[in-house]
Amino acid sequence: MSCHAVVFVDFDGVLTTDKDKLRMGSQTYLHPAQVGMLNDIVDPSGAVVVVSSTWRFDSNTPQILRAAGFTGAFHPDGWRTGPYRDSRGDELVEALRVFRPARFVFLDDDPSVPPMLKAHHVQPDPSKGLGPLHVDDALFALSLTPDPRCYHGVATAVD
């Protein structure tokens, strides 16, 4: 198991909204206030970030996140999760198997998280993105000791 606490972060609906991107005229716009709230999670917890968003397929994503004000660290074994899976839940469970974090939280507007992982899921309203109450929820989720069954694959995580 990794000694790292990990924040798995989705971007669309978490660090930006469709309204933000339309207003700014950019599909790669990240809202500085929401990126600041990501820093408010990462800094006090010592967590590292892994991008679980579809933005993970763009090799410039770490630079885009930094340009928006991200001051934290990316996971030393990789800044992004792997390829698409059958469901968002499958992708998250696979990320746990790969990164094996000591503690973790998923910041994701998608509700399809396996029941075993619900205590580690912070789900912003996709029209508003990450907010101050989500910071508190994420810090709480990072304080939890994961159930060992979280690391054994999709079948166990959804039972």
Protein backbone atom coordinates (compact mmCIF):
# COMPACT_ATOMS: atom_id res chain seq x y z
CA MET A 1 0.00 0.00 0.00
CA SER A 2 1.19 3.48 -0.85
CA CYS A 3 1.94 5.84 2.01
CA HIS A 4 0.24 8.63 0.06
CA ALA A 5 -3.16 10.13 0.64
CA VAL A 6 -4.66 10.67 -2.81
CA VAL A 7 -7.24 13.07 -4.18
CA PHE A 8 -8.66 11.61 -7.39
CA VAL A 9 -10.07 14.64 -9.18
CA ASP A 10 -12.51 14.99 -12.04
CA PHE A 11 -12.47 18.38 -13.77
CA ASP A 12 -15.78 18.93 -15.59
CA GLY A 13 -18.41 19.65 -12.95
CA VAL A 14 -15.76 19.89 -10.22
CA LEU A 15 -13.05 22.40 -11.20
CA THR A 16 -15.03 23.93 -14.05
CA THR A 17 -18.57 23.99 -15.37
CA ASP A 18 -19.99 24.15 -18.87
CA LYS A 19 -21.16 27.68 -18.07
CA ASP A 20 -17.60 28.70 -17.04
CA LYS A 21 -16.08 27.28 -20.23
CA LEU A 22 -18.72 28.95 -22.41
CA ARG A 23 -18.28 32.28 -20.63
CA MET A 24 -14.49 32.13 -20.98
CA GLY A 25 -14.60 30.75 -24.53
CA SER A 26 -12.25 27.90 -23.69
CA GLN A 27 -12.75 24.15 -23.31
CA THR A 28 -9.64 24.04 -21.10
CA TYR A 29 -10.75 26.70 -18.60
CA LEU A 30 -10.46 25.81 -14.92
CA HIS A 31 -12.06 28.13 -12.39
CA PRO A 32 -9.35 29.62 -10.12
CA ALA A 33 -11.62 29.62 -7.04
CA GLN A 34 -12.36 25.91 -7.45
CA VAL A 35 -8.69 25.14 -8.06
CA GLY A 36 -8.01 27.11 -4.87
CA MET A 37 -10.41 24.82 -3.02
CA LEU A 38 -8.49 21.82 -4.38
CA ASN A 39 -5.40 23.41 -2.81
CA ASP A 40 -7.40 23.79 0.43
CA ILE A 41 -7.86 20.01 0.42
CA VAL A 42 -4.36 19.02 -0.65
CA ASP A 43 -2.29 21.44 1.46
CA PRO A 44 -3.49 20.57 4.99
CA SER A 45 -3.89 16.86 4.25
CA GLY A 46 -0.56 16.33 2.51
CA ALA A 47 -2.43 14.47 -0.22
CA VAL A 48 -1.20 14.13 -3.77
CA VAL A 49 -3.41 14.47 -6.83
CA VAL A 50 -4.29 11.96 -9.52
CA VAL A 51 -6.39 13.24 -12.43
CA SER A 52 -9.34 10.91 -12.99
CA SER A 53 -11.08 13.21 -15.45
CA THR A 54 -11.37 12.69 -19.20
CA TRP A 55 -8.80 15.49 -19.25
CA ARG A 56 -6.27 12.77 -18.33
CA PHE A 57 -5.94 12.00 -22.03
CA ASP A 58 -4.43 15.45 -22.69
CA SER A 59 -0.72 15.43 -21.84
CA ASN A 60 -0.89 19.18 -21.08
CA THR A 61 -3.34 18.75 -18.20
CA PRO A 62 -0.76 19.13 -15.38
CA GLN A 63 0.40 22.43 -16.92
CA ILE A 64 -3.21 23.62 -17.34
CA LEU A 65 -3.92 22.82 -13.69
CA ARG A 66 -0.75 24.62 -12.55
CA ALA A 67 -1.62 27.66 -14.70
CA ALA A 68 -5.00 27.80 -12.95
CA GLY A 69 -3.25 28.03 -9.56
CA PHE A 70 -2.74 24.45 -8.38
CA THR A 71 0.16 24.41 -5.90
CA GLY A 72 0.08 20.80 -4.73
CA ALA A 73 1.89 17.69 -5.86
CA PHE A 74 0.95 14.98 -8.30
CA HIS A 75 1.32 11.34 -7.34
CA PRO A 76 4.96 10.31 -7.87
CA ASP A 77 3.90 7.12 -9.69
CA GLY A 78 1.75 8.98 -12.22
CA TRP A 79 -0.52 12.00 -12.49
CA ARG A 80 -3.49 10.27 -14.15
CA THR A 81 -5.66 7.19 -14.05
CA GLY A 82 -5.73 4.63 -16.84
CA PRO A 83 -7.95 3.98 -19.85
CA TYR A 84 -11.73 4.05 -19.97
CA ARG A 85 -13.56 1.16 -18.30
CA ASP A 86 -17.17 -0.01 -18.59
CA SER A 87 -18.29 2.47 -15.93
CA ARG A 88 -16.96 5.34 -13.88
CA GLY A 89 -17.09 3.09 -10.84
CA ASP A 90 -14.91 0.51 -12.61
CA GLU A 91 -12.38 3.25 -13.44
CA LEU A 92 -12.22 4.35 -9.80
CA VAL A 93 -11.81 0.84 -8.46
CA GLU A 94 -9.03 0.21 -10.99
CA ALA A 95 -7.34 3.43 -9.85
CA LEU A 96 -7.38 2.13 -6.27
CA ARG A 97 -5.79 -1.12 -7.37
CA VAL A 98 -3.06 0.73 -9.26
CA PHE A 99 -2.26 3.51 -6.79
CA ARG A 100 -3.19 1.69 -3.53
CA PRO A 101 -3.47 4.88 -1.48
CA ALA A 102 -3.30 4.85 2.30
CA ARG A 103 -6.24 7.28 2.31
CA PHE A 104 -8.27 8.73 -0.55
CA VAL A 105 -11.15 10.81 -1.78
CA PHE A 106 -12.85 11.02 -5.17
CA LEU A 107 -13.95 14.51 -6.22
CA ASP A 108 -16.39 13.66 -8.99
CA ASP A 109 -19.81 14.90 -10.08
CA ASP A 110 -20.67 11.45 -11.47
CA PRO A 111 -22.89 9.54 -9.01
CA SER A 112 -21.90 6.06 -10.25
CA VAL A 113 -19.51 5.16 -7.44
CA PRO A 114 -19.68 1.64 -6.00
CA PRO A 115 -21.35 1.50 -2.56
CA MET A 116 -18.09 0.43 -0.89
CA LEU A 117 -16.55 3.76 -1.94
CA LYS A 118 -19.41 6.16 -1.09
CA ALA A 119 -17.74 7.40 2.11
CA HIS A 120 -14.78 8.48 -0.01
CA HIS A 121 -16.84 10.25 -2.69
CA VAL A 122 -17.51 13.98 -2.70
CA GLN A 123 -20.02 14.83 -5.42
CA PRO A 124 -20.41 18.51 -6.37
CA ASP A 125 -23.40 19.76 -8.32
CA PRO A 126 -22.02 19.79 -11.89
CA SER A 127 -23.61 23.17 -12.59
CA LYS A 128 -21.77 24.75 -9.64
CA GLY A 129 -18.58 22.74 -9.16
CA LEU A 130 -16.50 22.38 -6.02
CA GLY A 131 -17.64 24.51 -3.08
CA PRO A 132 -16.47 25.26 0.48
CA LEU A 133 -18.58 22.51 2.07
CA HIS A 134 -17.01 19.99 -0.31
CA VAL A 135 -13.59 20.93 1.07
CA ASP A 136 -14.72 19.90 4.56
CA ASP A 137 -16.27 16.69 3.23
CA ALA A 138 -13.09 15.82 1.33
CA LEU A 139 -10.87 16.42 4.35
CA PHE A 140 -13.16 14.17 6.39
CA ALA A 141 -13.03 11.44 3.71
CA LEU A 142 -9.23 11.67 3.72
CA SER A 143 -9.26 11.02 7.48
CA LEU A 144 -11.04 7.67 7.05
CA THR A 145 -9.22 4.36 6.99
CA PRO A 146 -10.32 2.55 3.82
CA ASP A 147 -12.03 -0.79 4.07
CA PRO A 148 -9.49 -3.35 2.74
CA ARG A 149 -12.15 -4.69 0.37
CA CYS A 150 -11.82 -1.44 -1.62
CA TYR A 151 -8.62 -2.79 -3.13
CA HIS A 152 -9.87 -6.14 -4.38
CA GLY A 153 -11.70 -5.13 -7.54
CA VAL A 154 -15.07 -4.18 -8.85
CA ALA A 155 -16.92 -7.35 -7.88
CA THR A 156 -16.09 -6.91 -4.20
CA ALA A 157 -16.55 -3.14 -4.20
CA VAL A 158 -20.11 -3.31 -5.51
CA ASP A 159 -21.32 -6.27 -3.43
